[in-house]
Amino acid sequence: MKNLFRKALTKTVYVKQGQEENSGVELVEVPPSQQLMYVVFFSIAALAALAALEVAHMAFLGGWNTEVFAGIMSVVTFVLGVFIGQKA
């Protein structure tokens, strides 16, 4: 699973070889930093905890909690932003 996230967050960049106009272009992969990997793992753990909290709230109190759902949407938006921003 760790390699799946690492592969998804790896950025591919084109690097020009040499100073001449006829020089070739090389494709280089830039792996994500370890801090970014920790942030993604922590965010996914927080998402799972918030989802479990929402399920427990529905099971025991019989209702939907909009604040917990807003937290879930915030974490989802953050994770999607990280993936889109890292690939840009």
Protein backbone atom coordinates (compact mmCIF):
# COMPACT_ATOMS: atom_id res chain seq x y z
CA MET A 1 0.00 0.00 0.00
CA LYS A 2 2.89 2.33 0.78
CA ASN A 3 4.34 1.82 -2.70
CA LEU A 4 0.94 2.52 -4.26
CA PHE A 5 0.83 5.99 -2.65
CA ARG A 6 4.49 6.61 -3.43
CA LYS A 7 3.87 5.78 -7.09
CA ALA A 8 0.75 7.98 -7.20
CA LEU A 9 2.67 10.93 -5.73
CA THR A 10 5.76 10.57 -7.92
CA LYS A 11 6.20 13.52 -10.27
CA THR A 12 7.61 13.05 -13.79
CA VAL A 13 9.67 15.94 -15.19
CA TYR A 14 11.38 16.53 -18.53
CA VAL A 15 15.02 17.65 -18.24
CA LYS A 16 16.98 19.06 -21.16
CA GLN A 17 20.39 17.46 -21.70
CA GLY A 18 23.20 19.91 -22.45
CA GLN A 19 23.23 23.49 -23.73
CA GLU A 20 22.91 22.83 -27.47
CA GLU A 21 19.62 23.11 -29.34
CA ASN A 22 19.88 19.56 -30.68
CA SER A 23 20.39 18.00 -27.26
CA GLY A 24 17.88 15.42 -26.12
CA VAL A 25 15.27 15.53 -23.40
CA GLU A 26 15.38 13.05 -20.54
CA LEU A 27 12.41 11.92 -18.48
CA VAL A 28 13.19 12.06 -14.74
CA GLU A 29 10.96 10.80 -11.91
CA VAL A 30 10.99 12.82 -8.68
CA PRO A 31 9.79 10.76 -5.70
CA PRO A 32 7.70 12.41 -2.97
CA SER A 33 9.32 13.45 0.28
CA GLN A 34 8.97 11.31 3.39
CA GLN A 35 7.06 14.12 5.15
CA LEU A 36 4.46 14.15 2.38
CA MET A 37 4.03 10.40 2.71
CA TYR A 38 3.47 10.77 6.48
CA VAL A 39 0.89 13.51 5.90
CA VAL A 40 -1.01 11.34 3.41
CA PHE A 41 -1.00 8.33 5.76
CA PHE A 42 -2.12 10.46 8.70
CA SER A 43 -4.90 12.01 6.61
CA ILE A 44 -6.17 8.61 5.52
CA ALA A 45 -6.12 7.41 9.14
CA ALA A 46 -8.06 10.54 10.16
CA LEU A 47 -10.56 9.87 7.37
CA ALA A 48 -11.10 6.31 8.61
CA ALA A 49 -11.52 7.53 12.21
CA LEU A 50 -14.05 10.19 11.18
CA ALA A 51 -15.99 7.66 9.10
CA ALA A 52 -16.10 5.28 12.08
CA LEU A 53 -17.25 8.14 14.30
CA GLU A 54 -20.05 8.99 11.87
CA VAL A 55 -21.17 5.34 11.73
CA ALA A 56 -21.11 5.11 15.53
CA HIS A 57 -23.10 8.33 15.78
CA MET A 58 -25.75 6.97 13.42
CA ALA A 59 -25.85 3.59 15.17
CA PHE A 60 -26.10 4.82 18.74
CA LEU A 61 -27.84 8.18 18.44
CA GLY A 62 -29.85 7.45 15.31
CA GLY A 63 -28.99 10.61 13.44
CA TRP A 64 -26.61 12.18 10.98
CA ASN A 65 -23.95 14.52 12.40
CA THR A 66 -23.21 17.34 9.98
CA GLU A 67 -20.07 18.48 11.82
CA VAL A 68 -18.42 15.07 11.49
CA PHE A 69 -19.46 14.95 7.83
CA ALA A 70 -17.91 18.40 7.30
CA GLY A 71 -14.69 17.05 8.81
CA ILE A 72 -14.78 14.07 6.47
CA MET A 73 -15.25 16.37 3.47
CA SER A 74 -12.38 18.59 4.65
CA VAL A 75 -10.00 15.63 4.88
CA VAL A 76 -11.10 14.29 1.48
CA THR A 77 -10.57 17.71 -0.09
CA PHE A 78 -7.13 17.97 1.51
CA VAL A 79 -6.03 14.54 0.24
CA LEU A 80 -7.31 15.26 -3.27
CA GLY A 81 -5.52 18.61 -3.23
CA VAL A 82 -2.28 16.91 -2.23
CA PHE A 83 -2.53 14.39 -5.08
CA ILE A 84 -3.48 17.02 -7.69
CA GLY A 85 -0.90 19.52 -6.45
CA GLN A 86 1.92 17.00 -6.40
CA LYS A 87 1.25 15.95 -9.99
CA ALA A 88 1.10 19.54 -11.30
